[in-house]
């Protein structure tokens, strides 16, 4: 099953020449989840050959502009391009009012339905679930209410050993039960052992997205053991006091979080525009957590 994230934007409050503010596109089994939607997001989707029309779910972490100013443009373009299927938005409640005000004064009447699920920044909870993935909020510590999002794959059915099934002439109609892990008692007294004809599927993986936050143990338990952790790393550690003042994290702290929670892979992003190159931020994080990568725009990371 496909489970990967493409970085669309990795800058913090303001865009700079080669970086846009925050946005990511998660692909889980060819269903697409947009995580934050900063200014320029739809241009990035076009640039990297990703179809906005395939997005059915949008997750907005908080209401600082560098995380949602691109949303009204994206929604309007989907409308103009003839979208009719509903779009689900998971967000702070005030975002509905913001969007409706903009639609009101532009006399825009969408051809498709927006279905809102409002997040609660005070507690971690499951806000979405389908056959592929479960999405849980992450309580973060930012200047305004802010949640991260943890995407966890659903356990897949067992894998059939087709060659052995065909060799032993096991009826095809029994395959679905075997995939579910059932041992089959046949009318003649024979038993078809599930373990003889199937193997276990891969363990489910998880992607934790921590947008804007101070380093705070309040969210450690929620992201414990995640396969890939995206964590903001706005500043180098030499600017720790500025990070505290703005409720952000340093690259060193992001790496410390990855170590503490036992993440397997760390992506750092949300870089301050003061950094024209990002080597120092990467080196600082890797000094603590070796398996760290920069969230560079256009790169797709398998989880």
Protein backbone atom coordinates (compact mmCIF):
# COMPACT_ATOMS: atom_id res chain seq x y z
CA UNK A 1 0.00 0.00 0.00
CA UNK A 2 1.24 3.47 -0.84
CA UNK A 3 1.99 5.57 2.24
CA UNK A 4 4.09 8.65 1.45
CA UNK A 5 4.22 12.40 1.95
CA UNK A 6 5.20 15.08 -0.57
CA UNK A 7 6.49 18.39 0.76
CA UNK A 8 4.81 21.40 -0.87
CA UNK A 9 6.07 24.12 1.45
CA UNK A 10 8.67 24.28 4.23
CA UNK A 11 9.16 27.95 5.12
CA UNK A 12 7.82 29.56 8.27
CA UNK A 13 5.93 32.85 8.52
CA UNK A 14 6.98 34.35 5.18
CA UNK A 15 7.92 32.84 1.82
CA UNK A 16 11.40 33.42 0.44
CA UNK A 17 12.82 32.99 -3.05
CA UNK A 18 13.10 29.19 -3.00
CA UNK A 19 10.71 28.20 -0.20
CA UNK A 20 6.95 28.50 0.31
CA UNK A 21 5.15 28.35 3.68
CA UNK A 22 3.87 25.10 5.07
CA UNK A 23 1.87 22.52 3.15
CA UNK A 24 2.15 18.77 2.58
CA UNK A 25 0.26 16.13 0.62
CA UNK A 26 -0.09 12.67 2.15
CA UNK A 27 -0.91 9.74 -0.12
CA UNK A 28 -2.38 6.73 1.67
CA UNK A 29 -3.48 3.98 -0.69
CA UNK A 30 -4.11 6.57 -3.46
CA UNK A 31 -6.35 8.67 -1.24
CA UNK A 32 -4.97 12.18 -0.74
CA UNK A 33 -4.85 14.23 2.44
CA UNK A 34 -3.70 17.87 2.32
CA UNK A 35 -1.97 18.91 5.54
CA UNK A 36 -2.02 22.70 5.97
CA UNK A 37 -2.50 24.95 2.97
CA UNK A 38 -0.31 28.02 2.95
CA UNK A 39 -0.12 30.70 0.31
CA UNK A 40 1.03 29.21 -3.00
CA UNK A 41 -0.10 25.65 -2.30
CA UNK A 42 -2.08 25.19 -5.49
CA UNK A 43 0.85 26.50 -7.54
CA UNK A 44 3.06 23.91 -5.85
CA UNK A 45 0.58 21.15 -6.66
CA UNK A 46 0.76 22.16 -10.32
CA UNK A 47 4.55 22.45 -10.25
CA UNK A 48 5.01 18.94 -8.87
CA UNK A 49 2.36 17.29 -11.07
CA UNK A 50 -0.15 16.61 -8.27
CA UNK A 51 -3.87 16.87 -8.96
CA UNK A 52 -5.82 19.05 -6.55
CA UNK A 53 -9.01 17.35 -7.72
CA UNK A 54 -7.89 14.13 -6.01
CA UNK A 55 -7.80 15.77 -2.58
CA UNK A 56 -10.83 14.83 -0.48
CA UNK A 57 -9.51 15.73 2.98
CA UNK A 58 -7.84 18.91 4.26
CA UNK A 59 -6.28 19.23 7.72
CA UNK A 60 -5.49 22.72 9.06
CA UNK A 61 -3.35 22.81 12.20
CA UNK A 62 -4.05 26.39 13.31
CA UNK A 63 -5.03 29.84 12.15
CA UNK A 64 -1.71 31.53 11.53
CA UNK A 65 -1.71 32.61 7.91
CA UNK A 66 1.34 30.61 6.87
CA UNK A 67 -0.75 27.48 7.43
CA UNK A 68 -4.05 28.36 5.72
CA UNK A 69 -3.85 31.50 3.54
CA UNK A 70 -3.81 29.32 0.41
CA UNK A 71 -7.03 27.52 1.24
CA UNK A 72 -9.56 30.04 -0.11
CA UNK A 73 -7.75 30.08 -3.45
CA UNK A 74 -7.64 26.30 -3.64
CA UNK A 75 -11.33 25.95 -2.77
CA UNK A 76 -12.25 28.58 -5.35
CA UNK A 77 -10.19 26.89 -8.08
CA UNK A 78 -11.82 23.53 -7.34
CA UNK A 79 -15.20 25.25 -7.73
CA UNK A 80 -14.21 26.88 -11.04
CA UNK A 81 -12.87 23.56 -12.31
CA UNK A 82 -16.24 21.88 -11.76
CA UNK A 83 -15.78 19.90 -8.57
CA UNK A 84 -19.04 18.43 -7.28
CA UNK A 85 -17.91 15.83 -4.72
CA UNK A 86 -17.76 16.95 -1.07
CA UNK A 87 -14.53 18.09 0.56
CA UNK A 88 -13.85 17.35 4.23
CA UNK A 89 -12.03 20.01 6.26
CA UNK A 90 -10.61 19.29 9.73
CA UNK A 91 -9.79 22.58 11.39
CA UNK A 92 -10.31 25.08 14.21
CA UNK A 93 -13.95 26.15 14.30
CA UNK A 94 -13.22 29.79 13.43
CA UNK A 95 -11.97 28.77 9.99
CA UNK A 96 -15.54 28.12 8.84
CA UNK A 97 -16.46 31.72 9.66
CA UNK A 98 -13.36 33.02 7.85
CA UNK A 99 -14.10 31.06 4.69
CA UNK A 100 -17.81 31.86 4.65
CA UNK A 101 -17.07 35.58 5.01
CA UNK A 102 -14.79 35.47 1.98
CA UNK A 103 -17.35 33.53 -0.06
CA UNK A 104 -20.07 35.97 1.00
CA UNK A 105 -18.27 39.11 -0.12
CA UNK A 106 -17.11 37.55 -3.40
CA UNK A 107 -20.63 36.21 -4.06
CA UNK A 108 -19.19 32.72 -4.45
CA UNK A 109 -21.52 29.74 -4.17
CA UNK A 110 -19.55 26.51 -4.26
CA UNK A 111 -20.85 23.69 -6.43
CA UNK A 112 -19.66 21.19 -3.85
CA UNK A 113 -20.22 20.73 -0.12
CA UNK A 114 -17.66 21.58 2.54
CA UNK A 115 -17.97 19.17 5.48
CA UNK A 116 -16.31 20.52 8.62
CA UNK A 117 -14.94 18.61 11.58
CA UNK A 118 -13.68 20.98 14.26
CA UNK A 119 -10.53 20.19 16.20
CA UNK A 120 -10.08 20.60 19.95
CA UNK A 121 -6.59 21.84 20.78
CA UNK A 122 -6.91 20.77 24.44
CA UNK A 123 -7.00 17.00 23.94
CA UNK A 124 -5.83 14.29 21.57
CA UNK A 125 -8.65 12.43 19.86
CA UNK A 126 -9.45 10.42 16.75
CA UNK A 127 -11.09 12.76 14.23
CA UNK A 128 -11.22 10.55 11.13
CA UNK A 129 -11.14 6.90 10.19
CA UNK A 130 -11.65 4.90 7.00
CA UNK A 131 -10.49 1.52 5.69
CA UNK A 132 -6.95 2.78 5.16
CA UNK A 133 -6.02 5.13 7.97
CA UNK A 134 -6.88 6.55 11.38
CA UNK A 135 -6.20 10.24 12.07
CA UNK A 136 -5.61 11.47 15.61
CA UNK A 137 -4.94 15.02 16.76
CA UNK A 138 -1.74 15.95 18.58
CA UNK A 139 -1.91 18.59 21.33
CA UNK A 140 0.80 21.17 20.62
CA UNK A 141 2.02 24.20 22.57
CA UNK A 142 1.89 27.26 20.32
CA UNK A 143 0.94 30.91 20.74
CA UNK A 144 -2.62 30.17 19.61
CA UNK A 145 -4.56 26.87 19.73
CA UNK A 146 -2.78 24.39 17.48
CA UNK A 147 -2.99 20.68 16.76
CA UNK A 148 -0.75 18.30 14.91
CA UNK A 149 -2.05 15.19 13.18
CA UNK A 150 -1.00 11.56 13.45
CA UNK A 151 -1.89 9.31 10.52
CA UNK A 152 -1.76 5.58 11.27
CA UNK A 153 -2.28 2.87 8.66
CA UNK A 154 -4.91 0.23 9.23
CA UNK A 155 -3.66 -3.32 9.55
CA UNK A 156 -4.03 -5.04 6.18
CA UNK A 157 -5.49 -8.51 5.63
CA UNK A 158 -3.13 -11.48 5.49
CA UNK A 159 -1.32 -12.22 2.22
CA UNK A 160 -2.31 -15.33 0.30
CA UNK A 161 0.30 -17.85 -0.88
CA UNK A 162 -1.31 -18.20 -4.29
CA UNK A 163 1.05 -20.83 -5.70
CA UNK A 164 0.48 -23.14 -2.72
CA UNK A 165 -3.28 -22.54 -2.80
CA UNK A 166 -3.43 -23.47 -6.48
CA UNK A 167 -1.14 -26.45 -6.02
CA UNK A 168 -3.39 -27.86 -3.28
CA UNK A 169 -6.51 -26.89 -5.24
CA UNK A 170 -8.03 -24.85 -2.42
CA UNK A 171 -11.35 -23.43 -3.72
CA UNK A 172 -11.10 -19.75 -4.66
CA UNK A 173 -14.27 -18.95 -2.72
CA UNK A 174 -12.38 -19.73 0.51
CA UNK A 175 -9.68 -17.14 -0.14
CA UNK A 176 -11.49 -14.22 1.58
CA UNK A 177 -11.81 -16.22 4.80
CA UNK A 178 -8.15 -17.21 4.71
CA UNK A 179 -7.16 -13.55 4.24
CA UNK A 180 -9.08 -12.82 7.44
CA UNK A 181 -7.05 -15.39 9.36
CA UNK A 182 -9.73 -18.09 9.62
CA UNK A 183 -8.95 -21.82 9.84
CA UNK A 184 -11.47 -23.77 7.74
CA UNK A 185 -13.17 -27.05 8.74
CA UNK A 186 -14.27 -28.88 5.60
CA UNK A 187 -17.29 -31.25 5.44
CA UNK A 188 -14.98 -34.25 4.90
CA UNK A 189 -13.21 -33.53 8.19
CA UNK A 190 -10.11 -31.92 6.69
CA UNK A 191 -8.84 -28.65 8.15
CA UNK A 192 -7.29 -25.91 6.07
CA UNK A 193 -4.85 -24.16 8.36
CA UNK A 194 -4.62 -20.45 7.73
CA UNK A 195 -0.91 -20.36 8.56
CA UNK A 196 -0.21 -22.92 5.83
CA UNK A 197 -1.59 -20.68 3.09
CA UNK A 198 -1.05 -17.08 4.19
CA UNK A 199 1.59 -14.80 5.64
CA UNK A 200 1.06 -11.83 7.90
CA UNK A 201 0.82 -8.39 6.32
CA UNK A 202 3.32 -5.67 7.16
CA UNK A 203 2.95 -3.86 10.46
CA UNK A 204 0.99 -0.59 10.10
CA UNK A 205 3.12 2.54 9.88
CA UNK A 206 2.44 6.01 11.24
CA UNK A 207 3.20 9.59 10.25
CA UNK A 208 3.15 12.31 12.90
CA UNK A 209 2.91 15.94 11.81
CA UNK A 210 3.90 18.49 14.47
CA UNK A 211 3.43 21.90 12.92
CA UNK A 212 4.15 24.85 15.27
CA UNK A 213 5.07 24.21 18.90
CA UNK A 214 7.41 24.61 21.77
CA UNK A 215 9.19 21.40 22.74
CA UNK A 216 6.73 20.09 25.32
CA UNK A 217 6.27 16.61 26.76
CA UNK A 218 2.49 17.08 26.49
CA UNK A 219 2.55 15.55 23.00
CA UNK A 220 5.28 12.93 23.43
CA UNK A 221 2.98 10.04 24.28
CA UNK A 222 0.75 10.61 21.23
CA UNK A 223 3.67 10.40 18.77
CA UNK A 224 5.61 7.67 20.59
CA UNK A 225 7.14 5.10 18.24
CA UNK A 226 6.01 6.81 15.02
CA UNK A 227 7.74 5.68 11.85
CA UNK A 228 8.19 9.18 10.42
CA UNK A 229 8.01 12.33 12.51
CA UNK A 230 7.71 15.73 10.88
CA UNK A 231 8.66 18.35 13.45
CA UNK A 232 9.04 22.06 13.02
CA UNK A 233 12.60 23.35 13.41
CA UNK A 234 12.25 27.07 12.90
CA UNK A 235 15.60 28.14 14.39
CA UNK A 236 19.10 26.99 15.15
CA UNK A 237 19.62 26.32 18.85
CA UNK A 238 21.68 29.49 19.23
CA UNK A 239 18.31 31.29 18.91
CA UNK A 240 16.60 29.28 21.65
CA UNK A 241 15.31 32.38 23.42
CA UNK A 242 13.70 33.62 20.20
CA UNK A 243 12.19 30.17 19.73
CA UNK A 244 10.69 30.30 23.21
CA UNK A 245 9.39 33.83 22.65
CA UNK A 246 7.57 32.81 19.45
CA UNK A 247 6.53 29.35 20.68
CA UNK A 248 8.71 27.50 18.20
CA UNK A 249 11.37 24.78 18.28
CA UNK A 250 15.03 24.61 17.34
CA UNK A 251 16.53 21.95 15.08
CA UNK A 252 18.37 20.50 18.07
CA UNK A 253 15.14 20.24 20.07
CA UNK A 254 13.30 18.57 17.18
CA UNK A 255 16.01 15.91 17.12
CA UNK A 256 15.76 15.50 20.89
CA UNK A 257 12.02 14.92 20.52
CA UNK A 258 12.67 12.24 17.89
CA UNK A 259 15.05 10.49 20.27
CA UNK A 260 12.71 10.72 23.24
CA UNK A 261 9.67 9.31 21.42
CA UNK A 262 11.62 6.63 19.55
CA UNK A 263 10.79 7.84 16.05
CA UNK A 264 12.46 5.94 13.23
CA UNK A 265 12.85 8.89 10.84
CA UNK A 266 12.75 12.66 11.38
CA UNK A 267 11.79 15.35 8.88
CA UNK A 268 12.45 18.94 9.90
CA UNK A 269 10.78 21.97 8.35
CA UNK A 270 9.10 25.36 8.97
CA UNK A 271 12.46 27.07 8.54
CA UNK A 272 12.83 30.76 9.35
CA UNK A 273 13.34 32.95 6.30
CA UNK A 274 16.58 34.18 7.90
CA UNK A 275 18.20 30.91 6.73
CA UNK A 276 19.04 31.10 3.03
CA UNK A 277 20.65 27.65 3.16
CA UNK A 278 19.62 24.83 5.47
CA UNK A 279 22.81 22.83 5.97
CA UNK A 280 23.40 24.17 9.47
CA UNK A 281 19.90 23.20 10.58
CA UNK A 282 20.33 19.69 9.21
CA UNK A 283 23.77 19.27 10.77
CA UNK A 284 22.47 20.44 14.14
CA UNK A 285 19.60 17.93 14.09
CA UNK A 286 21.78 15.07 12.84
CA UNK A 287 24.24 15.66 15.70
CA UNK A 288 21.48 14.31 17.97
CA UNK A 289 19.34 12.13 15.66
CA UNK A 290 21.22 10.71 12.69
CA UNK A 291 18.24 9.66 10.56
CA UNK A 292 17.09 13.21 9.85
CA UNK A 293 16.15 14.79 6.53
CA UNK A 294 15.19 18.28 5.47
CA UNK A 295 11.59 18.70 4.33
CA UNK A 296 12.61 19.99 0.91
CA UNK A 297 9.83 21.04 -1.44
CA UNK A 298 9.02 18.57 -4.20
CA UNK A 299 10.57 15.59 -2.40
CA UNK A 300 8.34 12.62 -1.61
CA UNK A 301 9.24 10.59 1.46
CA UNK A 302 8.05 7.01 1.91
CA UNK A 303 6.87 6.40 5.46
